[in-house]
Amino acid sequence: AGPRVTMTFPDRRRVAGRTLGIDNGVDAGLIRITEDGKWPHAEMGSSADLEQGQWCLALGYPVTFENGKAPVARIGRVLRNASTTLLTDCTIMGGDSGGPLFDVDGKVIGIGSRCDNQLTVNIHVPIDCYRQNWARPNLIGHSTDASQRG
């Protein structure tokens, strides 16, 4: 595992974790919570079979995270699905990076990466990148032991 970090949840609870690495090629990173407890989470879906026009929902904190402020929810559709990028018309903004992208069943299908110059074209990392590519040797600070990946 990589460097130690502290994460803050919206309810101001702080927990310890460790970085598991980054993949600069797709703009992806993982952190594992190292404290015992029941942590809020959403089920991971699959991005492999997403089709153009399929509905989706992005969550994020535009511009800055503020304690007590709920994330902004933006509905949209899949514009293009490629192995390392997922384009949607969910209008995300700067600060939304790292926010989840859900399918209509509430499963995570991507993670917000960056905004395009057009507000209606936004780039997400497909969730399958986290499954398929995490043990690649070009990851910085990665773990090759499947039991250590989150």
C-alpha atoms as a PDB file:
ATOM      1  CA  ALA A   1       0.000   0.000   0.000  1.00  0.00           C
ATOM      2  CA  GLY A   2       1.033   3.579  -0.579  1.00  0.00           C
ATOM      3  CA  PRO A   3       1.085   6.735   1.547  1.00  0.00           C
ATOM      4  CA  ARG A   4      -1.346   7.227   4.415  1.00  0.00           C
ATOM      5  CA  VAL A   5      -4.227   9.658   3.894  1.00  0.00           C
ATOM      6  CA  THR A   6      -7.172  11.002   5.852  1.00  0.00           C
ATOM      7  CA  MET A   7     -10.605  11.134   4.202  1.00  0.00           C
ATOM      8  CA  THR A   8     -13.496  13.296   5.347  1.00  0.00           C
ATOM      9  CA  PHE A   9     -17.095  12.180   4.816  1.00  0.00           C
ATOM     10  CA  PRO A  10     -19.927  14.692   4.297  1.00  0.00           C
ATOM     11  CA  ASP A  11     -20.983  14.169   7.945  1.00  0.00           C
ATOM     12  CA  ARG A  12     -17.469  15.406   8.935  1.00  0.00           C
ATOM     13  CA  ARG A  13     -16.335  11.961  10.076  1.00  0.00           C
ATOM     14  CA  ARG A  14     -12.627  11.505   9.356  1.00  0.00           C
ATOM     15  CA  VAL A  15     -11.087   8.114   8.631  1.00  0.00           C
ATOM     16  CA  ALA A  16      -7.623   6.812   7.866  1.00  0.00           C
ATOM     17  CA  GLY A  17      -6.727   5.175   4.592  1.00  0.00           C
ATOM     18  CA  ARG A  18      -3.887   4.283   2.250  1.00  0.00           C
ATOM     19  CA  THR A  19      -3.465   5.048  -1.413  1.00  0.00           C
ATOM     20  CA  LEU A  20      -3.417   1.997  -3.651  1.00  0.00           C
ATOM     21  CA  GLY A  21      -1.974   3.778  -6.661  1.00  0.00           C
ATOM     22  CA  ILE A  22      -2.847   5.867  -9.671  1.00  0.00           C
ATOM     23  CA  ASP A  23      -3.239   5.221 -13.365  1.00  0.00           C
ATOM     24  CA  ASN A  24      -2.391   8.485 -15.097  1.00  0.00           C
ATOM     25  CA  GLY A  25      -3.332   6.984 -18.471  1.00  0.00           C
ATOM     26  CA  VAL A  26      -7.027   6.972 -17.571  1.00  0.00           C
ATOM     27  CA  ASP A  27      -6.986   9.462 -14.657  1.00  0.00           C
ATOM     28  CA  ALA A  28      -7.867   6.872 -12.008  1.00  0.00           C
ATOM     29  CA  GLY A  29      -6.776   6.315  -8.432  1.00  0.00           C
ATOM     30  CA  LEU A  30      -7.849   4.212  -5.467  1.00  0.00           C
ATOM     31  CA  ILE A  31      -7.750   4.631  -1.708  1.00  0.00           C
ATOM     32  CA  ARG A  32      -8.521   1.887   0.819  1.00  0.00           C
ATOM     33  CA  ILE A  33     -10.105   2.767   4.166  1.00  0.00           C
ATOM     34  CA  THR A  34      -7.914   1.127   6.813  1.00  0.00           C
ATOM     35  CA  GLU A  35     -10.206   1.614   9.821  1.00  0.00           C
ATOM     36  CA  ASP A  36     -12.785  -0.968  10.839  1.00  0.00           C
ATOM     37  CA  GLY A  37     -16.391   0.017  10.349  1.00  0.00           C
ATOM     38  CA  LYS A  38     -19.362   0.005   8.045  1.00  0.00           C
ATOM     39  CA  TRP A  39     -18.749   2.554   5.305  1.00  0.00           C
ATOM     40  CA  PRO A  40     -21.299   4.027   2.920  1.00  0.00           C
ATOM     41  CA  HIS A  41     -20.869   2.664  -0.580  1.00  0.00           C
ATOM     42  CA  ALA A  42     -22.665   1.943  -3.832  1.00  0.00           C
ATOM     43  CA  GLU A  43     -22.492  -1.292  -5.774  1.00  0.00           C
ATOM     44  CA  MET A  44     -20.169  -1.313  -8.780  1.00  0.00           C
ATOM     45  CA  GLY A  45     -21.952  -1.888 -12.065  1.00  0.00           C
ATOM     46  CA  SER A  46     -20.394  -2.624 -15.430  1.00  0.00           C
ATOM     47  CA  SER A  47     -19.413  -0.157 -18.119  1.00  0.00           C
ATOM     48  CA  ALA A  48     -18.683  -2.713 -20.856  1.00  0.00           C
ATOM     49  CA  ASP A  49     -22.214  -2.933 -22.226  1.00  0.00           C
ATOM     50  CA  LEU A  50     -23.318   0.699 -21.883  1.00  0.00           C
ATOM     51  CA  GLU A  51     -24.923   1.961 -25.057  1.00  0.00           C
ATOM     52  CA  GLN A  52     -25.241   5.377 -26.621  1.00  0.00           C
ATOM     53  CA  GLY A  53     -28.364   7.120 -25.327  1.00  0.00           C
ATOM     54  CA  GLN A  54     -28.541   5.144 -22.082  1.00  0.00           C
ATOM     55  CA  TRP A  55     -29.614   7.272 -19.094  1.00  0.00           C
ATOM     56  CA  CYS A  56     -27.141   8.017 -16.305  1.00  0.00           C
ATOM     57  CA  LEU A  57     -26.758  10.272 -13.262  1.00  0.00           C
ATOM     58  CA  ALA A  58     -23.609  12.124 -12.122  1.00  0.00           C
ATOM     59  CA  LEU A  59     -23.004  13.388  -8.569  1.00  0.00           C
ATOM     60  CA  GLY A  60     -20.440  15.974  -7.575  1.00  0.00           C
ATOM     61  CA  TYR A  61     -19.475  19.059  -5.641  1.00  0.00           C
ATOM     62  CA  PRO A  62     -18.906  21.824  -8.218  1.00  0.00           C
ATOM     63  CA  VAL A  63     -16.198  24.361  -7.483  1.00  0.00           C
ATOM     64  CA  THR A  64     -15.643  23.263  -3.845  1.00  0.00           C
ATOM     65  CA  PHE A  65     -16.799  20.815  -1.183  1.00  0.00           C
ATOM     66  CA  GLU A  66     -18.716  22.465   1.646  1.00  0.00           C
ATOM     67  CA  ASN A  67     -19.557  20.663   4.887  1.00  0.00           C
ATOM     68  CA  GLY A  68     -23.283  19.986   5.127  1.00  0.00           C
ATOM     69  CA  LYS A  69     -23.932  20.697   1.437  1.00  0.00           C
ATOM     70  CA  ALA A  70     -25.482  17.830  -0.516  1.00  0.00           C
ATOM     71  CA  PRO A  71     -23.865  16.898  -3.843  1.00  0.00           C
ATOM     72  CA  VAL A  72     -25.398  18.210  -7.049  1.00  0.00           C
ATOM     73  CA  ALA A  73     -27.134  15.513  -9.150  1.00  0.00           C
ATOM     74  CA  ARG A  74     -27.150  15.793 -12.928  1.00  0.00           C
ATOM     75  CA  ILE A  75     -29.033  13.467 -15.245  1.00  0.00           C
ATOM     76  CA  GLY A  76     -27.873  12.765 -18.777  1.00  0.00           C
ATOM     77  CA  ARG A  77     -27.150  10.101 -21.335  1.00  0.00           C
ATOM     78  CA  VAL A  78     -24.147   8.137 -22.520  1.00  0.00           C
ATOM     79  CA  LEU A  79     -22.717   9.769 -25.654  1.00  0.00           C
ATOM     80  CA  ARG A  80     -19.860   7.336 -26.262  1.00  0.00           C
ATOM     81  CA  ASN A  81     -18.444   4.319 -24.482  1.00  0.00           C
ATOM     82  CA  ALA A  82     -14.807   3.410 -25.087  1.00  0.00           C
ATOM     83  CA  SER A  83     -12.536   1.143 -23.064  1.00  0.00           C
ATOM     84  CA  THR A  84     -10.794   4.005 -21.234  1.00  0.00           C
ATOM     85  CA  THR A  85     -13.289   6.885 -21.508  1.00  0.00           C
ATOM     86  CA  LEU A  86     -16.996   7.281 -21.060  1.00  0.00           C
ATOM     87  CA  LEU A  87     -18.539  10.453 -22.503  1.00  0.00           C
ATOM     88  CA  THR A  88     -21.869  11.708 -21.195  1.00  0.00           C
ATOM     89  CA  ASP A  89     -23.958  14.850 -21.462  1.00  0.00           C
ATOM     90  CA  CYS A  90     -24.361  15.041 -17.669  1.00  0.00           C
ATOM     91  CA  THR A  91     -23.353  18.668 -17.108  1.00  0.00           C
ATOM     92  CA  ILE A  92     -20.428  18.344 -14.704  1.00  0.00           C
ATOM     93  CA  MET A  93     -18.220  21.261 -13.697  1.00  0.00           C
ATOM     94  CA  GLY A  94     -14.795  21.850 -12.198  1.00  0.00           C
ATOM     95  CA  GLY A  95     -14.744  20.312  -8.719  1.00  0.00           C
ATOM     96  CA  ASP A  96     -16.976  17.396  -9.702  1.00  0.00           C
ATOM     97  CA  SER A  97     -13.962  15.217 -10.534  1.00  0.00           C
ATOM     98  CA  GLY A  98     -14.000  11.978  -8.590  1.00  0.00           C
ATOM     99  CA  GLY A  99     -17.774  11.941  -8.290  1.00  0.00           C
ATOM    100  CA  PRO A 100     -19.682   8.771  -9.192  1.00  0.00           C
ATOM    101  CA  LEU A 101     -21.637   8.181 -12.397  1.00  0.00           C
ATOM    102  CA  PHE A 102     -24.610   5.856 -11.858  1.00  0.00           C
ATOM    103  CA  ASP A 103     -26.792   3.805 -14.179  1.00  0.00           C
ATOM    104  CA  VAL A 104     -30.583   3.803 -13.720  1.00  0.00           C
ATOM    105  CA  ASP A 105     -30.272   0.857 -11.310  1.00  0.00           C
ATOM    106  CA  GLY A 106     -28.092   2.926  -8.933  1.00  0.00           C
ATOM    107  CA  LYS A 107     -24.855   1.075  -9.723  1.00  0.00           C
ATOM    108  CA  VAL A 108     -21.597   2.963 -10.258  1.00  0.00           C
ATOM    109  CA  ILE A 109     -20.616   2.823 -13.941  1.00  0.00           C
ATOM    110  CA  GLY A 110     -17.928   5.502 -13.973  1.00  0.00           C
ATOM    111  CA  ILE A 111     -16.014   8.135 -12.022  1.00  0.00           C
ATOM    112  CA  GLY A 112     -15.970  11.787 -13.105  1.00  0.00           C
ATOM    113  CA  SER A 113     -12.642  12.734 -14.649  1.00  0.00           C
ATOM    114  CA  ARG A 114     -12.816  16.088 -16.399  1.00  0.00           C
ATOM    115  CA  CYS A 115     -15.011  18.571 -18.193  1.00  0.00           C
ATOM    116  CA  ASP A 116     -14.909  19.363 -21.864  1.00  0.00           C
ATOM    117  CA  ASN A 117     -15.070  22.940 -23.117  1.00  0.00           C
ATOM    118  CA  GLN A 118     -18.736  22.256 -23.879  1.00  0.00           C
ATOM    119  CA  LEU A 119     -20.739  21.759 -20.679  1.00  0.00           C
ATOM    120  CA  THR A 120     -22.708  18.981 -22.358  1.00  0.00           C
ATOM    121  CA  VAL A 121     -19.710  16.748 -23.134  1.00  0.00           C
ATOM    122  CA  ASN A 122     -18.029  15.302 -20.064  1.00  0.00           C
ATOM    123  CA  ILE A 123     -15.474  12.591 -19.522  1.00  0.00           C
ATOM    124  CA  HIS A 124     -15.649   9.796 -16.951  1.00  0.00           C
ATOM    125  CA  VAL A 125     -13.378   6.820 -16.244  1.00  0.00           C
ATOM    126  CA  PRO A 126     -15.404   3.646 -16.967  1.00  0.00           C
ATOM    127  CA  ILE A 127     -15.774   1.532 -13.819  1.00  0.00           C
ATOM    128  CA  ASP A 128     -14.430  -1.525 -15.651  1.00  0.00           C
ATOM    129  CA  CYS A 129     -11.016   0.243 -15.863  1.00  0.00           C
ATOM    130  CA  TYR A 130     -10.773  -0.178 -12.097  1.00  0.00           C
ATOM    131  CA  ARG A 131     -11.431  -3.903 -12.375  1.00  0.00           C
ATOM    132  CA  GLN A 132      -9.437  -4.722 -15.502  1.00  0.00           C
ATOM    133  CA  ASN A 133      -6.397  -2.502 -15.304  1.00  0.00           C
ATOM    134  CA  TRP A 134      -5.482  -2.066 -11.663  1.00  0.00           C
ATOM    135  CA  ALA A 135      -2.644  -4.597 -11.563  1.00  0.00           C
ATOM    136  CA  ARG A 136      -0.881  -3.276 -14.686  1.00  0.00           C
ATOM    137  CA  PRO A 137       2.835  -2.667 -14.120  1.00  0.00           C
ATOM    138  CA  ASN A 138       2.717   0.993 -15.276  1.00  0.00           C
ATOM    139  CA  LEU A 139       0.640   2.065 -12.292  1.00  0.00           C
ATOM    140  CA  ILE A 140       2.439   4.253  -9.794  1.00  0.00           C
ATOM    141  CA  GLY A 141       2.348   2.789  -6.284  1.00  0.00           C
ATOM    142  CA  HIS A 142      -0.014   0.023  -7.373  1.00  0.00           C
ATOM    143  CA  SER A 143      -0.735  -3.240  -5.631  1.00  0.00           C
ATOM    144  CA  THR A 144      -0.509  -6.456  -7.615  1.00  0.00           C
ATOM    145  CA  ASP A 145      -2.086  -8.516  -4.846  1.00  0.00           C
ATOM    146  CA  ALA A 146      -5.841  -8.777  -5.550  1.00  0.00           C
ATOM    147  CA  SER A 147      -6.542  -9.029  -1.826  1.00  0.00           C
ATOM    148  CA  GLN A 148      -5.101  -5.506  -1.413  1.00  0.00           C
ATOM    149  CA  ARG A 149      -7.207  -3.790  -4.100  1.00  0.00           C
ATOM    150  CA  GLY A 150     -10.398  -1.950  -3.095  1.00  0.00           C
END
